[in-house]
Amino acid sequence: MKVFGISGSSGSGKTTLLDQLIPRFVAAGVRVAGIKHTHHGFDPDTPGKDSWRMRQAGCANVVLVGARHLTLMRRYPESEPSPELADALAVLPADTDLVLVEGYKRSDFPKLEVFRPSLGLPPLWPEVRSIVAVASDQPQAVAALTALPVLDLADLDAIYALVRDGACQLPPPYQTR
């Protein structure tokens, strides 16, 4: 299982880029999984439904199964730290070839930063050492600011190749199998 991240400020186009990359990997026969890390709380369950009631009654894990979906809802006590990347990787099937991660920007695995100068926000690459390249809608201007490789955000072939060739297998504690 190889892992590669897409990082950047909110509104930079991370999810849009993933929406364009994932079908290319799938068409190439790659079994892709996605991990989206958010700092905002969320609950995918519906209050009052059976699975919600099971969790309310005390189940630490509830698996909701439908005709074409399986969802694991795991509750972490508030006294414990938030789940880490290793926790998310541990629940993925062993036959996963590539995990594309949006978030976990401070974790140590290779990432591409999506950077748009027009947003007026500072880049992540000066502080996030695991960023290996930058994709931008203004590649010439950004290339003057960093020694990292800078790709045109519109050049999906180049970005695809970077992700394909830059994804890596993670050492422990990430390896869970």
N, C-alpha and C. Protein backbone atom coordinates (compact mmCIF):
# COMPACT_ATOMS: atom_id res chain seq x y z
N MET A 1 0.85 -1.17 0.00
CA MET A 1 0.00 0.00 0.00
C MET A 1 0.89 1.24 0.00
N LYS A 2 0.73 2.07 -1.02
CA LYS A 2 1.49 3.31 -1.10
C LYS A 2 0.60 4.48 -0.73
N VAL A 3 1.23 5.54 -0.23
CA VAL A 3 0.49 6.70 0.28
C VAL A 3 1.07 7.97 -0.33
N PHE A 4 0.16 8.89 -0.70
CA PHE A 4 0.57 10.20 -1.18
C PHE A 4 -0.49 11.20 -0.76
N GLY A 5 -0.05 12.40 -0.38
CA GLY A 5 -0.97 13.40 0.12
C GLY A 5 -1.13 14.59 -0.80
N ILE A 6 -2.30 15.20 -0.70
CA ILE A 6 -2.59 16.47 -1.37
C ILE A 6 -2.90 17.46 -0.26
N SER A 7 -2.09 18.51 -0.15
CA SER A 7 -2.25 19.51 0.91
C SER A 7 -2.46 20.88 0.30
N GLY A 8 -2.86 21.80 1.14
CA GLY A 8 -3.06 23.16 0.69
C GLY A 8 -4.09 23.85 1.57
N SER A 9 -4.19 25.13 1.39
CA SER A 9 -5.16 25.92 2.15
C SER A 9 -6.57 25.59 1.70
N SER A 10 -7.52 25.89 2.56
CA SER A 10 -8.93 25.71 2.23
C SER A 10 -9.26 26.55 0.99
N GLY A 11 -9.96 25.95 0.04
CA GLY A 11 -10.34 26.66 -1.16
C GLY A 11 -9.31 26.63 -2.27
N SER A 12 -8.19 25.93 -2.06
CA SER A 12 -7.13 25.92 -3.06
C SER A 12 -7.41 24.96 -4.21
N GLY A 13 -8.29 24.00 -4.02
CA GLY A 13 -8.62 23.07 -5.09
C GLY A 13 -8.13 21.65 -4.86
N LYS A 14 -7.87 21.29 -3.63
CA LYS A 14 -7.38 19.94 -3.32
C LYS A 14 -8.36 18.86 -3.76
N THR A 15 -9.61 19.02 -3.36
CA THR A 15 -10.61 18.00 -3.68
C THR A 15 -10.88 17.95 -5.18
N THR A 16 -10.91 19.09 -5.83
CA THR A 16 -11.09 19.12 -7.28
C THR A 16 -9.97 18.37 -7.98
N LEU A 17 -8.74 18.57 -7.52
CA LEU A 17 -7.61 17.84 -8.10
C LEU A 17 -7.76 16.34 -7.87
N LEU A 18 -8.14 15.94 -6.66
CA LEU A 18 -8.35 14.51 -6.40
C LEU A 18 -9.46 13.95 -7.28
N ASP A 19 -10.52 14.71 -7.49
CA ASP A 19 -11.62 14.28 -8.37
C ASP A 19 -11.12 13.98 -9.78
N GLN A 20 -10.07 14.68 -10.20
CA GLN A 20 -9.51 14.49 -11.54
C GLN A 20 -8.47 13.37 -11.56
N LEU A 21 -7.72 13.20 -10.48
CA LEU A 21 -6.68 12.18 -10.44
C LEU A 21 -7.20 10.77 -10.21
N ILE A 22 -8.16 10.63 -9.32
CA ILE A 22 -8.63 9.29 -8.94
C ILE A 22 -9.09 8.49 -10.16
N PRO A 23 -9.93 9.04 -11.06
CA PRO A 23 -10.34 8.24 -12.22
C PRO A 23 -9.17 7.79 -13.10
N ARG A 24 -8.11 8.58 -13.17
CA ARG A 24 -6.94 8.18 -13.96
C ARG A 24 -6.26 6.96 -13.34
N PHE A 25 -6.13 6.96 -12.02
CA PHE A 25 -5.53 5.80 -11.36
C PHE A 25 -6.43 4.56 -11.50
N VAL A 26 -7.72 4.75 -11.33
CA VAL A 26 -8.66 3.64 -11.45
C VAL A 26 -8.61 3.07 -12.87
N ALA A 27 -8.58 3.93 -13.89
CA ALA A 27 -8.51 3.48 -15.28
C ALA A 27 -7.22 2.70 -15.56
N ALA A 28 -6.16 3.00 -14.79
CA ALA A 28 -4.89 2.29 -14.93
C ALA A 28 -4.86 0.98 -14.13
N GLY A 29 -5.99 0.64 -13.50
CA GLY A 29 -6.07 -0.61 -12.74
C GLY A 29 -5.58 -0.52 -11.31
N VAL A 30 -5.38 0.69 -10.82
CA VAL A 30 -4.90 0.89 -9.45
C VAL A 30 -6.11 0.88 -8.50
N ARG A 31 -6.00 0.12 -7.42
CA ARG A 31 -7.05 0.10 -6.39
C ARG A 31 -6.76 1.25 -5.43
N VAL A 32 -7.60 2.28 -5.50
CA VAL A 32 -7.37 3.53 -4.78
C VAL A 32 -8.30 3.64 -3.58
N ALA A 33 -7.75 4.13 -2.48
CA ALA A 33 -8.55 4.49 -1.30
C ALA A 33 -8.27 5.96 -1.02
N GLY A 34 -9.24 6.62 -0.43
CA GLY A 34 -9.07 8.02 -0.06
C GLY A 34 -9.26 8.20 1.43
N ILE A 35 -8.45 9.06 2.00
CA ILE A 35 -8.60 9.45 3.41
C ILE A 35 -8.70 10.95 3.44
N LYS A 36 -9.76 11.44 4.06
CA LYS A 36 -9.97 12.88 4.21
C LYS A 36 -9.94 13.19 5.70
N HIS A 37 -8.97 13.98 6.12
CA HIS A 37 -8.85 14.37 7.52
C HIS A 37 -9.44 15.75 7.69
N THR A 38 -10.28 15.91 8.70
CA THR A 38 -10.86 17.21 8.98
C THR A 38 -10.70 17.52 10.46
N HIS A 39 -10.48 18.77 10.75
CA HIS A 39 -10.37 19.19 12.15
C HIS A 39 -11.74 19.50 12.73
N HIS A 40 -12.74 19.55 11.87
CA HIS A 40 -14.10 19.85 12.31
C HIS A 40 -14.77 18.56 12.73
N GLY A 41 -15.55 18.61 13.77
CA GLY A 41 -16.29 17.43 14.19
C GLY A 41 -17.36 17.08 13.16
N PHE A 42 -17.66 15.80 13.04
CA PHE A 42 -18.73 15.38 12.15
C PHE A 42 -19.28 14.06 12.66
N ASP A 43 -20.48 13.76 12.27
CA ASP A 43 -21.10 12.49 12.61
C ASP A 43 -21.90 12.03 11.40
N PRO A 44 -21.47 10.95 10.74
CA PRO A 44 -22.15 10.51 9.53
C PRO A 44 -23.49 9.81 9.81
N ASP A 45 -23.78 9.56 11.06
CA ASP A 45 -24.99 8.84 11.42
C ASP A 45 -26.18 9.79 11.55
N THR A 46 -27.36 9.22 11.59
CA THR A 46 -28.59 10.00 11.71
C THR A 46 -29.22 9.75 13.08
N PRO A 47 -29.37 10.80 13.89
CA PRO A 47 -29.99 10.60 15.21
C PRO A 47 -31.33 9.88 15.10
N GLY A 48 -31.49 8.89 15.98
CA GLY A 48 -32.73 8.13 16.02
C GLY A 48 -32.70 6.83 15.23
N LYS A 49 -31.80 6.73 14.25
CA LYS A 49 -31.69 5.50 13.47
C LYS A 49 -31.07 4.39 14.32
N ASP A 50 -31.23 3.14 13.89
CA ASP A 50 -30.76 1.99 14.66
C ASP A 50 -29.27 2.06 14.97
N SER A 51 -28.45 2.39 13.96
CA SER A 51 -27.00 2.44 14.17
C SER A 51 -26.64 3.54 15.17
N TRP A 52 -27.32 4.66 15.10
CA TRP A 52 -27.10 5.75 16.04
C TRP A 52 -27.46 5.29 17.45
N ARG A 53 -28.59 4.59 17.58
CA ARG A 53 -29.03 4.11 18.88
C ARG A 53 -28.03 3.09 19.45
N MET A 54 -27.44 2.26 18.60
CA MET A 54 -26.42 1.30 19.07
C MET A 54 -25.23 2.05 19.66
N ARG A 55 -24.81 3.11 18.99
CA ARG A 55 -23.68 3.90 19.50
C ARG A 55 -24.06 4.59 20.79
N GLN A 56 -25.25 5.16 20.84
CA GLN A 56 -25.71 5.82 22.06
C GLN A 56 -25.78 4.85 23.23
N ALA A 57 -26.09 3.59 22.94
CA ALA A 57 -26.19 2.58 23.99
C ALA A 57 -24.82 2.14 24.49
N GLY A 58 -23.74 2.47 23.73
CA GLY A 58 -22.40 2.16 24.22
C GLY A 58 -21.49 1.42 23.27
N CYS A 59 -21.94 1.05 22.10
CA CYS A 59 -21.06 0.36 21.16
C CYS A 59 -19.91 1.30 20.76
N ALA A 60 -18.70 0.81 20.86
CA ALA A 60 -17.54 1.59 20.42
C ALA A 60 -17.42 1.54 18.90
N ASN A 61 -17.90 0.47 18.29
CA ASN A 61 -17.84 0.29 16.84
C ASN A 61 -19.20 -0.19 16.35
N VAL A 62 -19.69 0.43 15.30
CA VAL A 62 -20.92 0.00 14.65
C VAL A 62 -20.63 -0.06 13.16
N VAL A 63 -20.99 -1.17 12.53
CA VAL A 63 -20.81 -1.33 11.09
C VAL A 63 -22.20 -1.27 10.46
N LEU A 64 -22.37 -0.35 9.56
CA LEU A 64 -23.62 -0.18 8.84
C LEU A 64 -23.41 -0.77 7.45
N VAL A 65 -24.23 -1.76 7.08
CA VAL A 65 -24.06 -2.47 5.82
C VAL A 65 -25.31 -2.32 4.98
N GLY A 66 -25.12 -1.92 3.73
CA GLY A 66 -26.20 -1.83 2.76
C GLY A 66 -25.86 -2.66 1.54
N ALA A 67 -26.66 -2.56 0.51
CA ALA A 67 -26.47 -3.38 -0.69
C ALA A 67 -25.10 -3.14 -1.35
N ARG A 68 -24.59 -1.93 -1.34
CA ARG A 68 -23.33 -1.61 -2.01
C ARG A 68 -22.34 -0.84 -1.15
N HIS A 69 -22.61 -0.72 0.16
CA HIS A 69 -21.74 0.07 1.02
C HIS A 69 -21.56 -0.61 2.37
N LEU A 70 -20.43 -0.37 2.96
CA LEU A 70 -20.15 -0.79 4.32
C LEU A 70 -19.45 0.38 5.00
N THR A 71 -19.98 0.82 6.12
CA THR A 71 -19.42 1.96 6.83
C THR A 71 -19.11 1.55 8.26
N LEU A 72 -17.89 1.77 8.68
CA LEU A 72 -17.49 1.54 10.07
C LEU A 72 -17.53 2.88 10.79
N MET A 73 -18.28 2.93 11.86
CA MET A 73 -18.31 4.12 12.70
C MET A 73 -17.66 3.73 14.03
N ARG A 74 -16.50 4.29 14.27
CA ARG A 74 -15.74 4.00 15.49
C ARG A 74 -15.73 5.25 16.34
N ARG A 75 -16.11 5.09 17.58
CA ARG A 75 -16.12 6.22 18.51
C ARG A 75 -14.82 6.21 19.32
N TYR A 76 -14.20 7.37 19.39
CA TYR A 76 -13.02 7.55 20.22
C TYR A 76 -13.41 8.40 21.41
N PRO A 77 -13.11 7.96 22.61
CA PRO A 77 -13.46 8.77 23.79
C PRO A 77 -12.80 10.14 23.72
N GLU A 78 -13.47 11.14 24.26
CA GLU A 78 -12.93 12.50 24.26
C GLU A 78 -11.63 12.60 25.03
N SER A 79 -11.39 11.65 25.93
CA SER A 79 -10.15 11.65 26.72
C SER A 79 -8.95 11.17 25.91
N GLU A 80 -9.19 10.57 24.74
CA GLU A 80 -8.11 10.07 23.89
C GLU A 80 -7.82 11.08 22.78
N PRO A 81 -6.59 11.03 22.24
CA PRO A 81 -6.30 11.93 21.12
C PRO A 81 -7.11 11.53 19.88
N SER A 82 -7.24 12.47 18.95
CA SER A 82 -7.94 12.19 17.70
C SER A 82 -7.24 11.07 16.95
N PRO A 83 -7.97 10.33 16.13
CA PRO A 83 -7.35 9.26 15.35
C PRO A 83 -6.22 9.80 14.46
N GLU A 84 -5.19 8.99 14.34
CA GLU A 84 -4.04 9.34 13.51
C GLU A 84 -4.16 8.66 12.15
N LEU A 85 -3.25 8.99 11.25
CA LEU A 85 -3.26 8.37 9.92
C LEU A 85 -3.17 6.85 10.04
N ALA A 86 -2.37 6.35 10.95
CA ALA A 86 -2.23 4.89 11.12
C ALA A 86 -3.57 4.24 11.44
N ASP A 87 -4.42 4.91 12.20
CA ASP A 87 -5.74 4.38 12.52
C ASP A 87 -6.60 4.25 11.26
N ALA A 88 -6.52 5.24 10.39
CA ALA A 88 -7.29 5.20 9.15
C ALA A 88 -6.75 4.14 8.20
N LEU A 89 -5.43 4.05 8.10
CA LEU A 89 -4.83 3.04 7.22
C LEU A 89 -5.15 1.62 7.68
N ALA A 90 -5.26 1.45 8.99
CA ALA A 90 -5.50 0.12 9.54
C ALA A 90 -6.84 -0.49 9.13
N VAL A 91 -7.82 0.34 8.79
CA VAL A 91 -9.14 -0.20 8.43
C VAL A 91 -9.29 -0.40 6.92
N LEU A 92 -8.28 -0.05 6.13
CA LEU A 92 -8.37 -0.23 4.69
C LEU A 92 -8.07 -1.67 4.30
N PRO A 93 -8.68 -2.15 3.22
CA PRO A 93 -8.40 -3.52 2.76
C PRO A 93 -6.93 -3.69 2.38
N ALA A 94 -6.42 -4.88 2.61
CA ALA A 94 -5.01 -5.17 2.33
C ALA A 94 -4.67 -5.07 0.85
N ASP A 95 -5.67 -5.20 -0.03
CA ASP A 95 -5.39 -5.15 -1.47
C ASP A 95 -5.39 -3.72 -2.04
N THR A 96 -5.42 -2.72 -1.17
CA THR A 96 -5.36 -1.33 -1.62
C THR A 96 -3.96 -1.05 -2.15
N ASP A 97 -3.90 -0.47 -3.35
CA ASP A 97 -2.60 -0.14 -3.96
C ASP A 97 -2.11 1.25 -3.58
N LEU A 98 -3.03 2.21 -3.58
CA LEU A 98 -2.66 3.60 -3.38
C LEU A 98 -3.69 4.28 -2.49
N VAL A 99 -3.20 4.99 -1.48
CA VAL A 99 -4.06 5.78 -0.61
C VAL A 99 -3.74 7.25 -0.88
N LEU A 100 -4.75 7.98 -1.29
CA LEU A 100 -4.61 9.42 -1.50
C LEU A 100 -5.19 10.11 -0.28
N VAL A 101 -4.38 10.93 0.36
CA VAL A 101 -4.74 11.55 1.63
C VAL A 101 -4.90 13.05 1.43
N GLU A 102 -6.06 13.55 1.85
CA GLU A 102 -6.27 15.00 1.91
C GLU A 102 -6.31 15.36 3.39
N GLY A 103 -5.33 16.09 3.83
CA GLY A 103 -5.21 16.40 5.25
C GLY A 103 -3.98 15.72 5.83
N TYR A 104 -3.93 15.66 7.14
CA TYR A 104 -2.75 15.14 7.84
C TYR A 104 -1.49 15.81 7.31
N LYS A 105 -1.57 17.11 7.06
CA LYS A 105 -0.46 17.81 6.43
C LYS A 105 0.83 17.79 7.25
N ARG A 106 0.73 17.62 8.55
CA ARG A 106 1.94 17.62 9.38
C ARG A 106 2.54 16.21 9.52
N SER A 107 1.85 15.20 9.01
CA SER A 107 2.37 13.83 9.07
C SER A 107 3.47 13.64 8.03
N ASP A 108 4.33 12.67 8.29
CA ASP A 108 5.53 12.47 7.48
C ASP A 108 5.31 11.46 6.36
N PHE A 109 4.75 11.93 5.26
CA PHE A 109 4.65 11.16 4.02
C PHE A 109 4.62 12.18 2.89
N PRO A 110 4.99 11.79 1.67
CA PRO A 110 5.11 12.77 0.59
C PRO A 110 3.78 13.41 0.22
N LYS A 111 3.85 14.72 -0.07
CA LYS A 111 2.66 15.49 -0.40
C LYS A 111 2.94 16.48 -1.52
N LEU A 112 1.89 16.77 -2.24
CA LEU A 112 1.87 17.85 -3.22
C LEU A 112 1.05 18.97 -2.62
N GLU A 113 1.58 20.19 -2.63
CA GLU A 113 0.80 21.33 -2.17
C GLU A 113 0.11 21.98 -3.35
N VAL A 114 -1.20 22.18 -3.23
CA VAL A 114 -1.95 22.97 -4.20
C VAL A 114 -1.91 24.40 -3.67
N PHE A 115 -1.29 25.29 -4.43
CA PHE A 115 -1.08 26.66 -3.95
C PHE A 115 -1.56 27.65 -4.99
N ARG A 116 -2.45 28.53 -4.56
CA ARG A 116 -2.97 29.60 -5.41
C ARG A 116 -2.62 30.95 -4.77
N PRO A 117 -1.66 31.67 -5.34
CA PRO A 117 -1.29 32.97 -4.78
C PRO A 117 -2.46 33.92 -4.63
N SER A 118 -3.45 33.81 -5.50
CA SER A 118 -4.59 34.74 -5.46
C SER A 118 -5.42 34.63 -4.19
N LEU A 119 -5.27 33.53 -3.45
CA LEU A 119 -6.00 33.40 -2.19
C LEU A 119 -5.42 34.30 -1.10
N GLY A 120 -4.18 34.74 -1.30
CA GLY A 120 -3.55 35.63 -0.32
C GLY A 120 -3.09 34.93 0.94
N LEU A 121 -2.99 33.62 0.91
CA LEU A 121 -2.56 32.85 2.08
C LEU A 121 -1.12 32.39 1.88
N PRO A 122 -0.37 32.24 2.96
CA PRO A 122 1.02 31.80 2.82
C PRO A 122 1.09 30.33 2.39
N PRO A 123 2.16 29.97 1.70
CA PRO A 123 2.33 28.56 1.33
C PRO A 123 2.66 27.70 2.55
N LEU A 124 2.41 26.42 2.43
CA LEU A 124 2.74 25.48 3.50
C LEU A 124 4.19 24.99 3.40
N TRP A 125 4.75 24.94 2.18
CA TRP A 125 6.03 24.28 1.98
C TRP A 125 7.17 24.79 2.86
N PRO A 126 7.23 26.06 3.27
CA PRO A 126 8.35 26.44 4.12
C PRO A 126 8.35 25.73 5.48
N GLU A 127 7.18 25.34 5.95
CA GLU A 127 7.09 24.72 7.27
C GLU A 127 6.77 23.24 7.23
N VAL A 128 6.18 22.76 6.15
CA VAL A 128 5.82 21.35 6.05
C VAL A 128 6.85 20.66 5.16
N ARG A 129 7.82 20.02 5.81
CA ARG A 129 8.96 19.45 5.10
C ARG A 129 8.63 18.26 4.22
N SER A 130 7.46 17.66 4.41
CA SER A 130 7.10 16.49 3.61
C SER A 130 6.46 16.87 2.27
N ILE A 131 6.32 18.17 2.00
CA ILE A 131 5.85 18.60 0.69
C ILE A 131 7.00 18.44 -0.30
N VAL A 132 6.75 17.66 -1.35
CA VAL A 132 7.81 17.34 -2.32
C VAL A 132 7.68 18.14 -3.61
N ALA A 133 6.51 18.77 -3.82
CA ALA A 133 6.29 19.56 -5.03
C ALA A 133 5.07 20.45 -4.81
N VAL A 134 4.91 21.41 -5.71
CA VAL A 134 3.80 22.36 -5.64
C VAL A 134 3.09 22.38 -6.99
N ALA A 135 1.77 22.41 -6.95
CA ALA A 135 0.97 22.62 -8.17
C ALA A 135 0.25 23.95 -8.00
N SER A 136 0.31 24.78 -9.05
CA SER A 136 -0.26 26.12 -8.95
C SER A 136 -0.88 26.56 -10.27
N ASP A 137 -1.82 27.48 -10.15
CA ASP A 137 -2.40 28.09 -11.33
C ASP A 137 -1.50 29.23 -11.84
N GLN A 138 -0.43 29.54 -11.09
CA GLN A 138 0.57 30.53 -11.49
C GLN A 138 1.96 29.92 -11.32
N PRO A 139 2.28 28.87 -12.09
CA PRO A 139 3.53 28.12 -11.85
C PRO A 139 4.81 28.95 -12.01
N GLN A 140 4.85 29.89 -12.95
CA GLN A 140 6.08 30.67 -13.13
C GLN A 140 6.33 31.55 -11.91
N ALA A 141 5.30 32.20 -11.39
CA ALA A 141 5.46 33.06 -10.22
C ALA A 141 5.85 32.24 -9.00
N VAL A 142 5.25 31.07 -8.84
CA VAL A 142 5.55 30.23 -7.67
C VAL A 142 6.95 29.64 -7.78
N ALA A 143 7.39 29.30 -8.98
CA ALA A 143 8.74 28.73 -9.17
C ALA A 143 9.82 29.70 -8.71
N ALA A 144 9.54 30.98 -8.75
CA ALA A 144 10.51 31.98 -8.28
C ALA A 144 10.59 32.02 -6.76
N LEU A 145 9.65 31.36 -6.07
CA LEU A 145 9.60 31.41 -4.61
C LEU A 145 10.15 30.16 -3.93
N THR A 146 10.37 29.09 -4.67
CA THR A 146 10.77 27.83 -4.05
C THR A 146 11.71 27.03 -4.95
N ALA A 147 12.53 26.19 -4.32
CA ALA A 147 13.39 25.28 -5.07
C ALA A 147 12.67 23.96 -5.37
N LEU A 148 11.49 23.77 -4.81
CA LEU A 148 10.72 22.56 -5.08
C LEU A 148 10.25 22.54 -6.53
N PRO A 149 10.01 21.35 -7.08
CA PRO A 149 9.40 21.30 -8.41
C PRO A 149 8.02 21.97 -8.37
N VAL A 150 7.72 22.77 -9.38
CA VAL A 150 6.43 23.45 -9.47
C VAL A 150 5.75 23.00 -10.76
N LEU A 151 4.54 22.50 -10.60
CA LEU A 151 3.76 22.01 -11.74
C LEU A 151 2.59 22.94 -12.00
N ASP A 152 2.19 23.00 -13.26
CA ASP A 152 0.99 23.75 -13.63
C ASP A 152 -0.21 22.94 -13.17
N LEU A 153 -1.10 23.53 -12.42
CA LEU A 153 -2.28 22.86 -11.91
C LEU A 153 -3.15 22.30 -13.02
N ALA A 154 -3.05 22.86 -14.22
CA ALA A 154 -3.82 22.37 -15.36
C ALA A 154 -3.16 21.19 -16.06
N ASP A 155 -1.91 20.86 -15.71
CA ASP A 155 -1.18 19.76 -16.35
C ASP A 155 -1.39 18.48 -15.57
N LEU A 156 -2.55 17.86 -15.78
CA LEU A 156 -2.90 16.65 -15.03
C LEU A 156 -1.98 15.48 -15.32
N ASP A 157 -1.43 15.41 -16.53
CA ASP A 157 -0.51 14.32 -16.85
C ASP A 157 0.74 14.40 -15.97
N ALA A 158 1.28 15.59 -15.80
CA ALA A 158 2.48 15.77 -14.97
C ALA A 158 2.17 15.50 -13.50
N ILE A 159 1.03 15.95 -13.04
CA ILE A 159 0.66 15.72 -11.63
C ILE A 159 0.42 14.24 -11.39
N TYR A 160 -0.28 13.58 -12.32
CA TYR A 160 -0.50 12.13 -12.22
C TYR A 160 0.84 11.39 -12.10
N ALA A 161 1.78 11.73 -12.98
CA ALA A 161 3.10 11.07 -12.96
C ALA A 161 3.83 11.34 -11.64
N LEU A 162 3.74 12.55 -11.13
CA LEU A 162 4.39 12.87 -9.87
C LEU A 162 3.82 12.02 -8.74
N VAL A 163 2.50 11.93 -8.67
CA VAL A 163 1.87 11.15 -7.61
C VAL A 163 2.21 9.67 -7.78
N ARG A 164 2.09 9.17 -9.00
CA ARG A 164 2.39 7.76 -9.28
C ARG A 164 3.82 7.41 -8.86
N ASP A 165 4.76 8.26 -9.22
CA ASP A 165 6.17 7.97 -8.95
C ASP A 165 6.60 8.37 -7.56
N GLY A 166 5.85 9.28 -6.91
CA GLY A 166 6.27 9.79 -5.61
C GLY A 166 5.61 9.12 -4.42
N ALA A 167 4.56 8.32 -4.67
CA ALA A 167 3.90 7.63 -3.57
C ALA A 167 4.88 6.65 -2.94
N CYS A 168 4.80 6.51 -1.64
CA CYS A 168 5.75 5.63 -0.96
C CYS A 168 5.03 4.72 0.03
N GLN A 169 5.71 3.62 0.34
CA GLN A 169 5.22 2.77 1.41
C GLN A 169 5.72 3.38 2.72
N LEU A 170 4.83 3.47 3.68
CA LEU A 170 5.19 4.10 4.94
C LEU A 170 5.80 3.11 5.90
N PRO A 171 6.83 3.53 6.64
CA PRO A 171 7.40 2.67 7.68
C PRO A 171 6.51 2.66 8.91
N PRO A 172 6.76 1.77 9.87
CA PRO A 172 6.01 1.82 11.14
C PRO A 172 6.11 3.22 11.71
N PRO A 173 5.10 3.72 12.40
CA PRO A 173 3.91 3.02 12.87
C PRO A 173 2.79 2.95 11.85
N TYR A 174 3.02 3.44 10.62
CA TYR A 174 1.94 3.48 9.64
C TYR A 174 1.61 2.11 9.09
N GLN A 175 2.63 1.27 8.87
CA GLN A 175 2.38 -0.06 8.34
C GLN A 175 1.61 -0.84 9.40
N THR A 176 0.46 -1.31 9.05
CA THR A 176 -0.38 -1.99 10.03
C THR A 176 -0.61 -3.45 9.67
N ARG A 177 -0.09 -3.91 8.59
CA ARG A 177 -0.25 -5.31 8.19
C ARG A 177 1.10 -5.95 8.03
